[in-house]
Amino acid sequence: MSIAIEDFAKVQMKVGKIVSVEDIPEARKPMYKLRVEFGDGISKQCVAGIKDRYTKEELADKIVVAVVNLEPKSVAGVTSECMLLAAFNENELSLLAPERKVSLGSKVA
C-alpha cells in the first residue's frame, strides 16, 4: 500500500520524555498509562501495550518519539492522546528515540 507524501505530511511526530508510568489493571493485555512531556508545558497521555517489554524504571524519564496528532481514543477505559513509535517483530520491541540530544517537542520527519 502506498500513500501520497501529502498524507504522510499530516502525521505530526515529536520528541518527548516519559514523565509518569502507571499500570492499567483493567486492561486485557499488559499495558501502561504514560504521561509524555513535549516541552513548552505540553504533555499528552498515552496507552501503550509494552508492559511485557519494559519495566516502569526503564521507561521513567525515557526520551521517545511519538505521533501527537491522533484523535484521542479510549483504550481499557483510559484516553490515549498520542502513540509511541517502536521498531518490533515477533520477538523484539524497541522504542524509537533520537540518536543525539535534541529539545523536547522537536519535530520528527
C-alpha atoms as a PDB file:
ATOM      1  CA  MET A   1       0.000   0.000   0.000  1.00  0.00           C
ATOM      2  CA  SER A   2       1.320   3.418  -0.942  1.00  0.00           C
ATOM      3  CA  ILE A   3       0.357   6.804   0.438  1.00  0.00           C
ATOM      4  CA  ALA A   4       0.894  10.226  -1.036  1.00  0.00           C
ATOM      5  CA  ILE A   5       3.546  12.460   0.511  1.00  0.00           C
ATOM      6  CA  GLU A   6       0.735  14.906   1.325  1.00  0.00           C
ATOM      7  CA  ASP A   7      -0.907  12.256   3.513  1.00  0.00           C
ATOM      8  CA  PHE A   8       2.356  11.443   5.291  1.00  0.00           C
ATOM      9  CA  ALA A   9       2.915  15.164   5.901  1.00  0.00           C
ATOM     10  CA  LYS A  10      -0.275  15.195   8.013  1.00  0.00           C
ATOM     11  CA  VAL A  11       1.370  12.947  10.623  1.00  0.00           C
ATOM     12  CA  GLN A  12       2.971  15.055  13.363  1.00  0.00           C
ATOM     13  CA  MET A  13       5.785  13.300  15.198  1.00  0.00           C
ATOM     14  CA  LYS A  14       7.684  14.893  18.062  1.00  0.00           C
ATOM     15  CA  VAL A  15      10.343  14.083  20.626  1.00  0.00           C
ATOM     16  CA  GLY A  16       9.011  13.655  24.148  1.00  0.00           C
ATOM     17  CA  LYS A  17      10.011  12.469  27.600  1.00  0.00           C
ATOM     18  CA  ILE A  18       8.045   9.920  29.624  1.00  0.00           C
ATOM     19  CA  VAL A  19       7.340  11.576  32.978  1.00  0.00           C
ATOM     20  CA  SER A  20       4.962   9.060  34.567  1.00  0.00           C
ATOM     21  CA  VAL A  21       4.174   5.360  34.182  1.00  0.00           C
ATOM     22  CA  GLU A  22       1.146   3.614  35.702  1.00  0.00           C
ATOM     23  CA  ASP A  23      -0.334   0.139  35.383  1.00  0.00           C
ATOM     24  CA  ILE A  24      -3.782  -0.308  33.824  1.00  0.00           C
ATOM     25  CA  PRO A  25      -5.237  -3.201  35.839  1.00  0.00           C
ATOM     26  CA  GLU A  26      -8.460  -3.275  33.774  1.00  0.00           C
ATOM     27  CA  ALA A  27      -6.591  -3.959  30.506  1.00  0.00           C
ATOM     28  CA  ARG A  28      -6.829  -7.427  28.961  1.00  0.00           C
ATOM     29  CA  LYS A  29      -3.231  -7.142  27.703  1.00  0.00           C
ATOM     30  CA  PRO A  30      -0.264  -5.857  29.740  1.00  0.00           C
ATOM     31  CA  MET A  31      -0.462  -2.065  29.298  1.00  0.00           C
ATOM     32  CA  TYR A  32       0.827   1.130  30.822  1.00  0.00           C
ATOM     33  CA  LYS A  33      -0.713   4.572  31.066  1.00  0.00           C
ATOM     34  CA  LEU A  34       2.076   7.035  30.325  1.00  0.00           C
ATOM     35  CA  ARG A  35       2.335  10.808  30.562  1.00  0.00           C
ATOM     36  CA  VAL A  36       4.677  12.176  27.869  1.00  0.00           C
ATOM     37  CA  GLU A  37       6.014  15.734  28.045  1.00  0.00           C
ATOM     38  CA  PHE A  38       6.736  17.563  24.782  1.00  0.00           C
ATOM     39  CA  GLY A  39       8.150  20.842  26.132  1.00  0.00           C
ATOM     40  CA  ASP A  40       6.539  24.279  26.438  1.00  0.00           C
ATOM     41  CA  GLY A  41       4.127  22.904  29.059  1.00  0.00           C
ATOM     42  CA  ILE A  42       2.585  20.443  26.593  1.00  0.00           C
ATOM     43  CA  SER A  43       2.014  16.864  27.722  1.00  0.00           C
ATOM     44  CA  LYS A  44      -0.183  14.043  26.492  1.00  0.00           C
ATOM     45  CA  GLN A  45      -1.450  10.788  27.924  1.00  0.00           C
ATOM     46  CA  CYS A  46      -0.588   7.599  26.083  1.00  0.00           C
ATOM     47  CA  VAL A  47      -1.692   3.993  26.479  1.00  0.00           C
ATOM     48  CA  ALA A  48       0.996   1.560  25.384  1.00  0.00           C
ATOM     49  CA  GLY A  49       0.986  -2.226  25.263  1.00  0.00           C
ATOM     50  CA  ILE A  50       4.642  -2.502  26.213  1.00  0.00           C
ATOM     51  CA  LYS A  51       4.385  -3.666  29.823  1.00  0.00           C
ATOM     52  CA  ASP A  52       5.772  -7.101  28.943  1.00  0.00           C
ATOM     53  CA  ARG A  53       8.834  -5.498  27.272  1.00  0.00           C
ATOM     54  CA  TYR A  54       9.718  -2.551  29.546  1.00  0.00           C
ATOM     55  CA  THR A  55       9.706  -2.044  33.305  1.00  0.00           C
ATOM     56  CA  LYS A  56       8.444   1.172  34.853  1.00  0.00           C
ATOM     57  CA  GLU A  57      12.021   2.006  35.818  1.00  0.00           C
ATOM     58  CA  GLU A  58      13.254   1.601  32.226  1.00  0.00           C
ATOM     59  CA  LEU A  59      10.535   3.949  30.976  1.00  0.00           C
ATOM     60  CA  ALA A  60      10.880   6.681  33.605  1.00  0.00           C
ATOM     61  CA  ASP A  61      12.471   9.785  32.008  1.00  0.00           C
ATOM     62  CA  LYS A  62      12.998   7.919  28.713  1.00  0.00           C
ATOM     63  CA  ILE A  63      13.217  10.084  25.581  1.00  0.00           C
ATOM     64  CA  VAL A  64      10.860   8.793  22.865  1.00  0.00           C
ATOM     65  CA  VAL A  65       9.311   9.690  19.515  1.00  0.00           C
ATOM     66  CA  ALA A  66       5.514   9.904  19.358  1.00  0.00           C
ATOM     67  CA  VAL A  67       2.732  10.704  16.921  1.00  0.00           C
ATOM     68  CA  VAL A  68       0.981  13.641  18.577  1.00  0.00           C
ATOM     69  CA  ASN A  69      -1.956  14.488  16.313  1.00  0.00           C
ATOM     70  CA  LEU A  70      -4.053  11.326  16.541  1.00  0.00           C
ATOM     71  CA  GLU A  71      -7.679  11.588  17.571  1.00  0.00           C
ATOM     72  CA  PRO A  72      -7.991  10.600  21.253  1.00  0.00           C
ATOM     73  CA  LYS A  73      -9.097   7.006  21.718  1.00  0.00           C
ATOM     74  CA  SER A  74     -10.289   5.112  24.786  1.00  0.00           C
ATOM     75  CA  VAL A  75      -8.212   2.007  25.478  1.00  0.00           C
ATOM     76  CA  ALA A  76      -9.133  -0.128  28.506  1.00  0.00           C
ATOM     77  CA  GLY A  77     -11.125   2.822  29.821  1.00  0.00           C
ATOM     78  CA  VAL A  78      -8.173   5.229  29.563  1.00  0.00           C
ATOM     79  CA  THR A  79      -7.910   8.020  26.982  1.00  0.00           C
ATOM     80  CA  SER A  80      -4.854   7.784  24.743  1.00  0.00           C
ATOM     81  CA  GLU A  81      -3.846  11.052  23.054  1.00  0.00           C
ATOM     82  CA  CYS A  82      -0.638  10.033  21.301  1.00  0.00           C
ATOM     83  CA  MET A  83       1.235   6.940  20.128  1.00  0.00           C
ATOM     84  CA  LEU A  84       4.822   5.973  20.854  1.00  0.00           C
ATOM     85  CA  LEU A  85       6.798   4.746  17.860  1.00  0.00           C
ATOM     86  CA  ALA A  86       8.715   1.493  18.066  1.00  0.00           C
ATOM     87  CA  ALA A  87      10.581  -0.999  15.926  1.00  0.00           C
ATOM     88  CA  PHE A  88       9.278  -4.516  16.521  1.00  0.00           C
ATOM     89  CA  ASN A  89       8.890  -8.054  15.300  1.00  0.00           C
ATOM     90  CA  GLU A  90       7.511 -11.205  16.929  1.00  0.00           C
ATOM     91  CA  ASN A  91      10.326 -11.371  19.494  1.00  0.00           C
ATOM     92  CA  GLU A  92      11.686  -7.857  19.909  1.00  0.00           C
ATOM     93  CA  LEU A  93      10.454  -4.344  20.597  1.00  0.00           C
ATOM     94  CA  SER A  94      12.489  -1.146  20.829  1.00  0.00           C
ATOM     95  CA  LEU A  95      11.033   2.326  21.345  1.00  0.00           C
ATOM     96  CA  LEU A  96      12.368   4.877  18.880  1.00  0.00           C
ATOM     97  CA  ALA A  97      14.471   7.756  20.177  1.00  0.00           C
ATOM     98  CA  PRO A  98      16.713  10.391  18.621  1.00  0.00           C
ATOM     99  CA  GLU A  99      20.350   9.418  18.197  1.00  0.00           C
ATOM    100  CA  ARG A 100      21.540  12.716  19.693  1.00  0.00           C
ATOM    101  CA  LYS A 101      20.188  15.031  22.363  1.00  0.00           C
ATOM    102  CA  VAL A 102      17.506  17.347  20.980  1.00  0.00           C
ATOM    103  CA  SER A 103      14.941  19.601  22.667  1.00  0.00           C
ATOM    104  CA  LEU A 104      11.615  18.159  23.790  1.00  0.00           C
ATOM    105  CA  GLY A 105       8.996  18.969  21.189  1.00  0.00           C
ATOM    106  CA  SER A 106      11.461  18.750  18.294  1.00  0.00           C
ATOM    107  CA  LYS A 107       9.721  17.677  15.108  1.00  0.00           C
ATOM    108  CA  VAL A 108      10.498  14.312  13.549  1.00  0.00           C
ATOM    109  CA  ALA A 109      10.353  13.917   9.772  1.00  0.00           C
END
